[in-house]
Protein backbone atom coordinates (compact mmCIF):
# COMPACT_ATOMS: atom_id res chain seq x y z
CA MET A 1 -5.59 0.10 16.40
CA LYS A 2 -7.95 3.08 15.99
CA LEU A 3 -8.65 4.94 12.76
CA TYR A 4 -10.54 8.08 12.97
CA ASP A 5 -12.48 7.97 9.81
CA LEU A 6 -15.02 9.48 7.61
CA ASP A 7 -16.76 7.09 5.35
CA ALA A 8 -17.23 9.30 2.27
CA SER A 9 -13.57 10.37 2.42
CA GLY A 10 -11.29 9.15 -0.39
CA ASN A 11 -8.22 9.56 1.94
CA CYS A 12 -9.73 7.42 4.80
CA TYR A 13 -10.87 5.00 2.11
CA LYS A 14 -7.22 4.55 1.08
CA VAL A 15 -6.35 3.26 4.72
CA ARG A 16 -9.50 1.05 5.03
CA LEU A 17 -8.87 -0.43 1.52
CA PHE A 18 -5.23 -1.36 2.40
CA ALA A 19 -6.18 -2.75 5.77
CA ALA A 20 -8.74 -5.00 4.22
CA LEU A 21 -6.53 -6.24 1.51
CA ALA A 22 -3.63 -6.90 3.89
CA ARG A 23 -6.04 -8.21 6.68
CA ILE A 24 -5.06 -5.56 9.32
CA GLU A 25 -7.74 -5.14 11.87
CA LEU A 26 -8.74 -1.54 12.53
CA GLU A 27 -11.32 -0.10 14.93
CA LEU A 28 -13.19 2.54 12.94
CA ILE A 29 -14.00 5.69 14.78
CA PRO A 30 -16.48 7.82 13.00
CA VAL A 31 -15.78 11.59 13.17
CA ASP A 32 -18.46 14.33 13.09
CA ILE A 33 -16.95 16.46 10.28
CA PRO A 34 -19.93 18.80 9.97
CA GLY A 35 -19.88 19.27 13.69
CA GLY A 36 -16.32 20.23 13.58
CA GLU A 37 -15.12 17.36 15.84
CA HIS A 38 -11.81 17.12 13.84
CA LYS A 39 -10.94 20.77 14.66
CA ARG A 40 -11.20 20.40 18.46
CA PRO A 41 -9.22 18.41 21.04
CA PRO A 42 -8.81 15.61 21.41
CA LEU A 43 -8.51 15.11 17.54
CA ALA A 44 -6.86 18.40 17.03
CA ASP A 45 -4.20 17.28 19.45
CA LEU A 46 -3.70 14.09 17.40
CA ASN A 47 -3.42 16.07 14.18
CA PRO A 48 -2.55 19.74 14.25
CA LEU A 49 -3.98 20.01 10.59
CA GLY A 50 -7.31 19.20 11.77
CA GLN A 51 -7.61 16.54 9.08
CA LEU A 52 -8.61 12.82 8.58
CA PRO A 53 -7.49 10.02 8.60
CA ILE A 54 -5.63 9.71 12.05
CA LEU A 55 -4.25 6.40 12.90
CA GLN A 56 -3.76 5.67 16.68
CA ASP A 57 -1.66 2.43 17.43
CA GLY A 58 -1.12 2.42 21.13
CA ALA A 59 1.17 5.38 21.90
CA HIS A 60 1.86 6.14 18.19
CA VAL A 61 -0.19 8.57 16.25
CA VAL A 62 0.26 8.87 12.46
CA TRP A 63 -1.79 11.24 10.28
CA ASP A 64 -1.87 11.66 6.46
CA SER A 65 -3.18 8.94 4.36
CA GLN A 66 0.13 8.28 2.61
CA ALA A 67 2.08 8.13 5.91
CA ILE A 68 -0.49 5.83 7.40
CA LEU A 69 -0.14 3.47 4.48
CA VAL A 70 3.68 3.38 4.83
CA TYR A 71 3.34 2.70 8.60
CA LEU A 72 0.88 -0.01 8.19
CA ALA A 73 2.60 -1.69 5.44
CA GLY A 74 5.99 -1.46 7.09
CA LYS A 75 4.69 -2.68 10.42
CA TYR A 76 2.04 -5.04 9.69
CA GLY A 77 1.80 -5.72 5.93
CA GLY A 78 4.87 -7.63 5.21
CA LEU A 79 7.40 -7.05 2.36
CA ALA A 80 4.77 -7.67 -0.36
CA TRP A 81 3.22 -4.20 0.25
CA TRP A 82 6.38 -2.25 1.42
CA PRO A 83 9.72 -3.60 0.33
CA ALA A 84 12.96 -3.38 2.38
CA HIS A 85 15.03 -2.10 -0.62
CA PRO A 86 15.32 1.57 -1.69
CA LEU A 87 14.45 1.05 -5.25
CA GLY A 88 11.17 -0.63 -4.58
CA GLN A 89 10.51 2.03 -1.95
CA ALA A 90 11.25 4.79 -4.40
CA GLU A 91 8.83 3.31 -6.89
CA ILE A 92 6.14 3.34 -4.45
CA VAL A 93 6.81 6.73 -3.06
CA GLN A 94 6.64 8.37 -6.53
CA TRP A 95 3.13 7.03 -6.84
CA LEU A 96 2.29 8.39 -3.27
CA SER A 97 3.43 11.62 -4.41
CA PHE A 98 1.44 11.39 -7.49
CA ALA A 99 -1.71 10.67 -5.40
CA THR A 100 -0.96 13.66 -3.03
CA ASN A 101 -0.27 16.09 -5.93
CA GLU A 102 -1.65 15.36 -9.28
CA VAL A 103 -4.65 13.23 -8.25
CA GLN A 104 -5.40 15.55 -5.34
CA HIS A 105 -5.53 18.68 -7.39
CA SER A 106 -7.55 17.26 -10.23
CA LEU A 107 -9.83 14.14 -9.77
CA CYS A 108 -10.01 14.61 -6.04
CA ALA A 109 -10.68 18.56 -6.04
CA ALA A 110 -13.52 17.95 -8.82
CA ARG A 111 -15.24 15.45 -6.46
CA LEU A 112 -14.78 17.78 -3.51
CA VAL A 113 -16.59 20.65 -5.21
CA GLU A 114 -19.43 18.51 -6.63
CA LYS A 115 -20.09 16.13 -3.79
CA PHE A 116 -19.31 18.47 -0.77
CA GLY A 117 -19.48 21.92 -2.03
CA TYR A 118 -15.89 22.91 -1.39
CA THR A 119 -14.88 26.22 -2.77
CA LEU A 120 -12.24 25.10 -5.06
CA ASP A 121 -11.86 25.76 -8.92
CA LYS A 122 -13.55 22.90 -10.38
CA ASP A 123 -12.94 24.12 -13.86
CA ALA A 124 -9.20 24.05 -13.28
CA ALA A 125 -9.55 20.50 -11.54
CA LEU A 126 -11.44 19.24 -14.54
CA ALA A 127 -8.93 20.76 -16.91
CA LYS A 128 -6.02 18.88 -15.18
CA SER A 129 -7.86 15.51 -15.01
CA PRO A 130 -7.25 14.26 -18.46
CA ALA A 131 -3.52 14.82 -18.15
CA VAL A 132 -3.35 13.09 -14.87
CA LEU A 133 -5.42 10.10 -16.21
CA SER A 134 -3.48 9.83 -19.42
CA ILE A 135 -0.05 9.50 -17.34
CA LEU A 136 -1.70 6.81 -15.31
CA ASP A 137 -3.17 5.10 -18.41
CA ARG A 138 0.21 5.07 -20.27
CA HIS A 139 1.85 3.61 -17.31
CA LEU A 140 -0.83 1.04 -17.05
CA GLU A 141 -0.49 0.09 -20.77
CA ARG A 142 2.93 -1.35 -19.89
CA HIS A 143 2.43 -2.48 -16.32
CA ASP A 144 -0.37 -4.33 -14.47
CA TRP A 145 0.41 -2.53 -11.27
CA LEU A 146 1.81 0.83 -10.32
CA ALA A 147 5.00 -0.43 -8.73
CA MET A 148 7.16 -3.55 -8.50
CA GLY A 149 4.87 -5.59 -10.79
CA ARG A 150 2.54 -6.37 -7.95
CA PRO A 151 -0.24 -4.65 -5.89
CA THR A 152 1.43 -2.46 -3.29
CA ILE A 153 0.40 0.53 -1.21
CA ALA A 154 1.02 2.65 -4.41
CA ASP A 155 -2.14 1.18 -5.90
CA CYS A 156 -3.96 1.71 -2.57
CA ALA A 157 -2.94 5.42 -2.63
CA VAL A 158 -4.11 6.15 -6.23
CA TYR A 159 -7.07 3.99 -6.75
CA PRO A 160 -9.67 5.62 -4.39
CA TYR A 161 -9.84 8.92 -6.07
CA VAL A 162 -9.64 7.38 -9.65
CA ALA A 163 -12.57 5.14 -8.77
CA LEU A 164 -14.43 8.10 -7.19
CA ALA A 165 -13.74 10.42 -10.16
CA PRO A 166 -17.09 10.22 -11.71
CA GLU A 167 -18.55 11.71 -8.50
CA GLY A 168 -16.77 14.82 -9.71
CA SER A 169 -18.00 14.63 -13.44
CA VAL A 170 -14.61 13.12 -14.46
CA ASP A 171 -15.06 10.76 -17.51
CA LEU A 172 -13.00 7.56 -17.02
CA GLU A 173 -14.28 6.01 -20.39
CA PRO A 174 -11.30 6.93 -22.56
CA TYR A 175 -8.73 5.18 -20.23
CA GLY A 176 -9.06 1.52 -20.99
CA HIS A 177 -5.78 0.54 -19.23
CA VAL A 178 -7.01 2.41 -16.04
CA ALA A 179 -10.33 0.46 -16.27
CA ARG A 180 -8.56 -2.83 -16.47
CA TRP A 181 -6.34 -1.89 -13.47
CA MET A 182 -9.35 -0.95 -11.46
CA LYS A 183 -10.87 -4.31 -12.35
CA ARG A 184 -7.69 -6.06 -11.10
CA MET A 185 -7.85 -4.04 -7.83
CA GLU A 186 -11.57 -5.03 -7.39
CA ASP A 187 -10.65 -8.69 -7.89
CA LEU A 188 -8.01 -8.87 -5.20
CA PRO A 189 -8.88 -11.05 -2.28
CA GLY A 190 -10.24 -8.81 0.58
CA TYR A 191 -11.05 -5.89 -1.70
CA LEU A 192 -13.31 -3.39 0.21
CA PRO A 193 -15.86 -1.53 -2.17
CA LYS A 194 -15.68 2.06 -2.55
CA PRO A 195 -17.98 4.19 -0.29
């Protein structure tokens, strides 16, 4: 399986992190983002959005980090990471959506501006970040993991941009339950350190 990858990308890191935890072997294919490789064929043919990550598993191509997590967990990760029952799947998907929406438009956006010079509204991203982290912290006050009482792809989806948030000048200090959850993630066998 090939993962078209950018080391500094939090979305690519989600996939690499899960693969490491679930012991799924991936061939990492570095992509020249500054050179626009992701916007030209053959990569643009694999993902019409021109974004990373892209997973190629034989004839199957999956893009979007959340979709890739579901695919890998469902096909290779066993029921521990992606359950067969709808309630467990729903618990996980709500956190995948949280990663795509709330985390993406706050913690991630602030990092994209500061680290990569994106033209996004950093002030708005920083203003949203405490509310997003407070939701996460309140949940983790009552739960060790985001879904199902154990590590799942929900944790792999949310963890990267939380762990990388200081690179966008987001202060994690007030969120003790988040810090303890991050430590639990980092203590998992196979944990892959953040880029």
